[in-house]
Protein backbone atom coordinates (compact mmCIF):
# COMPACT_ATOMS: atom_id res chain seq x y z
CA GLN A 1 94.86 25.19 89.50
CA ALA A 2 97.55 24.16 91.88
CA ALA A 3 100.33 24.13 89.16
CA THR A 4 99.12 27.59 87.92
CA THR A 5 99.07 29.06 91.39
CA ALA A 6 102.67 27.53 92.13
CA SER A 7 103.87 29.02 88.52
CA GLN A 8 102.59 32.50 89.41
CA LEU A 9 104.26 32.35 92.77
CA LEU A 10 107.60 31.49 91.19
CA ALA A 11 107.35 33.70 88.30
CA PRO A 12 108.75 37.03 90.03
CA VAL A 13 111.84 35.00 91.29
CA SER A 14 114.69 35.97 88.74
CA LEU A 15 117.01 33.11 90.01
CA PRO A 16 115.53 29.81 90.91
CA HIS A 17 116.33 28.87 94.72
CA PHE A 18 117.29 25.49 95.19
CA SER A 19 114.36 24.56 97.37
CA ALA A 20 112.08 25.36 94.40
CA LEU A 21 113.60 22.58 92.28
CA VAL A 22 110.96 19.90 93.19
CA ALA A 23 108.01 22.45 92.51
CA TYR A 24 109.26 23.44 89.15
CA GLY A 25 109.55 19.57 88.36
CA HIS A 26 105.93 19.02 89.40
CA ILE A 27 104.53 21.85 87.51
CA ALA A 28 105.88 20.82 84.29
CA ASP A 29 104.66 17.11 85.22
CA VAL A 30 101.12 18.65 85.93
CA TYR A 31 100.91 20.47 82.61
CA LEU A 32 102.40 17.68 80.50
CA SER A 33 100.08 15.19 81.96
CA LEU A 34 97.03 17.47 81.27
CA TRP A 35 98.22 18.27 77.69
CA GLU A 36 98.67 14.41 77.07
CA ARG A 37 95.04 13.66 78.48
CA GLU A 38 93.52 16.42 76.53
CA ARG A 39 95.20 15.43 73.28
CA ALA A 40 93.74 11.86 73.82
CA GLN A 41 90.23 13.38 74.54
CA LYS A 42 90.49 16.16 71.79
CA THR A 43 88.88 18.78 73.85
CA GLY A 44 90.31 21.74 72.20
CA THR A 45 92.34 22.95 75.00
CA GLU A 46 95.54 21.53 73.84
CA THR A 47 96.89 25.08 72.63
CA GLU A 48 96.84 26.67 76.15
CA LEU A 49 98.16 23.62 77.92
CA LYS A 50 101.03 23.12 75.33
CA LYS A 51 102.05 26.77 76.12
CA LEU A 52 101.98 26.35 79.76
CA ALA A 53 103.94 22.98 79.59
CA ARG A 54 106.65 24.89 77.43
CA GLY A 55 107.08 27.59 80.01
CA ALA A 56 107.27 25.05 82.86
CA CYS A 57 109.98 23.30 80.75
CA LYS A 58 112.00 26.22 80.29
CA SER A 59 111.91 27.01 83.77
CA LEU A 60 113.14 23.86 84.89
CA HIS A 61 115.99 24.18 82.19
CA ARG A 62 116.89 27.42 83.80
CA CYS A 63 117.09 25.76 87.15
CA ALA A 64 119.39 23.14 85.63
CA ARG A 65 121.98 25.61 84.53
CA LEU A 66 122.21 26.66 88.14
CA PHE A 67 121.68 23.33 89.66
CA PRO A 68 122.97 20.35 87.91
CA VAL A 69 120.83 17.87 90.01
CA ALA A 70 117.68 19.44 87.89
CA GLY A 71 119.11 18.26 84.68
CA PRO A 72 117.74 14.82 84.46
CA ARG A 73 114.13 15.87 85.27
CA ALA A 74 114.57 19.01 83.05
CA TRP A 75 115.46 16.61 80.09
CA LEU A 76 112.95 13.93 81.15
CA TRP A 77 109.97 16.36 80.77
CA GLN A 78 111.50 18.15 77.82
CA GLY A 79 111.28 14.62 76.24
CA VAL A 80 107.48 14.27 77.11
CA TYR A 81 106.88 17.77 75.66
CA ASP A 82 108.87 17.08 72.45
CA TRP A 83 106.86 13.52 71.96
CA LEU A 84 103.51 15.33 72.48
CA ASP A 85 104.56 17.97 70.10
CA GLY A 86 105.11 15.43 67.35
CA LYS A 87 109.05 15.53 67.72
CA PRO A 88 109.88 11.85 68.47
CA ILE A 89 113.55 11.93 67.55
CA ARG A 90 113.95 15.16 69.65
CA ALA A 91 112.05 13.23 72.42
CA ARG A 92 114.33 10.20 72.42
CA LEU A 93 117.46 12.46 72.63
CA ALA A 94 116.16 14.18 75.62
CA TRP A 95 115.37 10.94 77.31
CA GLN A 96 118.86 9.70 76.52
CA ARG A 97 120.24 13.09 77.93
CA SER A 98 118.02 12.68 81.22
CA LEU A 99 119.08 9.00 81.50
CA SER A 100 122.97 9.79 81.05
CA ALA A 101 122.73 12.71 83.55
CA ALA A 102 120.82 10.67 86.09
CA GLN A 103 123.38 7.83 85.87
CA ARG A 104 126.34 10.48 86.03
CA LEU A 105 124.87 12.17 88.98
CA GLY A 106 123.91 9.11 90.74
CA MET A 107 120.22 9.54 90.84
CA PRO A 108 118.55 6.35 90.41
CA LEU A 109 114.83 7.54 90.64
CA ASP A 110 115.46 9.70 87.85
CA GLU A 111 117.13 7.10 85.91
CA ALA A 112 114.12 4.85 86.32
CA LEU A 113 112.00 7.69 85.40
CA ALA A 114 113.95 7.88 82.10
CA PHE A 115 113.75 4.32 81.46
CA TYR A 116 110.03 4.33 82.01
CA GLU A 117 109.28 7.05 79.46
CA VAL A 118 111.51 5.60 76.77
CA GLY A 119 109.67 2.18 77.30
CA ARG A 120 106.32 3.90 77.35
CA HIS A 121 107.09 5.44 73.79
CA ALA A 122 109.18 2.65 72.33
CA ALA A 123 108.52 0.11 69.80
CA ARG A 124 107.22 -3.23 71.22
CA ASP A 125 110.75 -4.78 70.81
CA GLU A 126 112.27 -2.09 73.03
CA GLN A 127 109.36 -1.45 75.30
CA ALA A 128 109.51 -4.55 77.78
CA GLY A 129 113.14 -4.13 78.40
CA ASN A 130 113.03 -0.42 79.31
CA LEU A 131 109.78 -0.67 81.20
CA LYS A 132 111.52 -3.80 83.28
CA ARG A 133 114.54 -2.05 83.89
CA ALA A 134 112.54 1.02 85.21
CA ASP A 135 110.66 -1.56 87.44
CA GLU A 136 113.84 -3.00 88.69
CA ILE A 137 115.25 0.08 89.80
CA PHE A 138 111.77 1.18 91.50
CA ASP A 139 111.96 -2.27 93.51
CA ARG A 140 115.55 -1.35 94.66
CA LEU A 141 114.45 2.00 95.88
CA GLY A 142 111.47 0.62 97.62
CA VAL A 143 108.93 2.81 95.46
CA ALA A 144 105.55 1.38 96.29
CA ALA A 145 103.54 0.03 93.22
CA ALA A 146 100.94 2.60 93.84
CA GLY A 147 103.65 5.46 93.42
CA ARG A 148 105.10 4.23 90.17
CA PRO A 149 104.27 5.99 86.81
CA LEU A 150 103.38 2.47 85.29
CA ALA A 151 100.72 1.94 87.98
CA ARG A 152 99.24 5.32 87.39
CA LEU A 153 99.07 4.71 83.73
CA GLU A 154 97.28 1.30 84.02
CA GLN A 155 94.63 2.86 86.20
């Protein structure tokens, strides 16, 4: 409900404001997380969540065109969208773009998030290395274990 309310509040804005970047990212995260959960539970509400997630990703990409610092997160969530939409090659390309942009812009949190998503969706031989790299960056940044995506996934 909060993501929908935030989306409705941001909808009339023709050009995204820099201060709204975090909100756009969180909206995409919420809709993608809900879509992923619904897919796993097969409740039949996938179609609406997919539509909301697609709109959130588009809004984030629009922000990234104006503010390059939104690029790593836009590509991160685009990768999750593509993965859930059954397009693993596109997802991997999006995560690579997220990782490259985060490294180029010196954004280690986004770099860690990209390594995490690549690891979470990788084959066993790639999985451990990517998740380990994400964890190393989270450690370096002082991100508490409870705030890490991996910790939330394991709960």
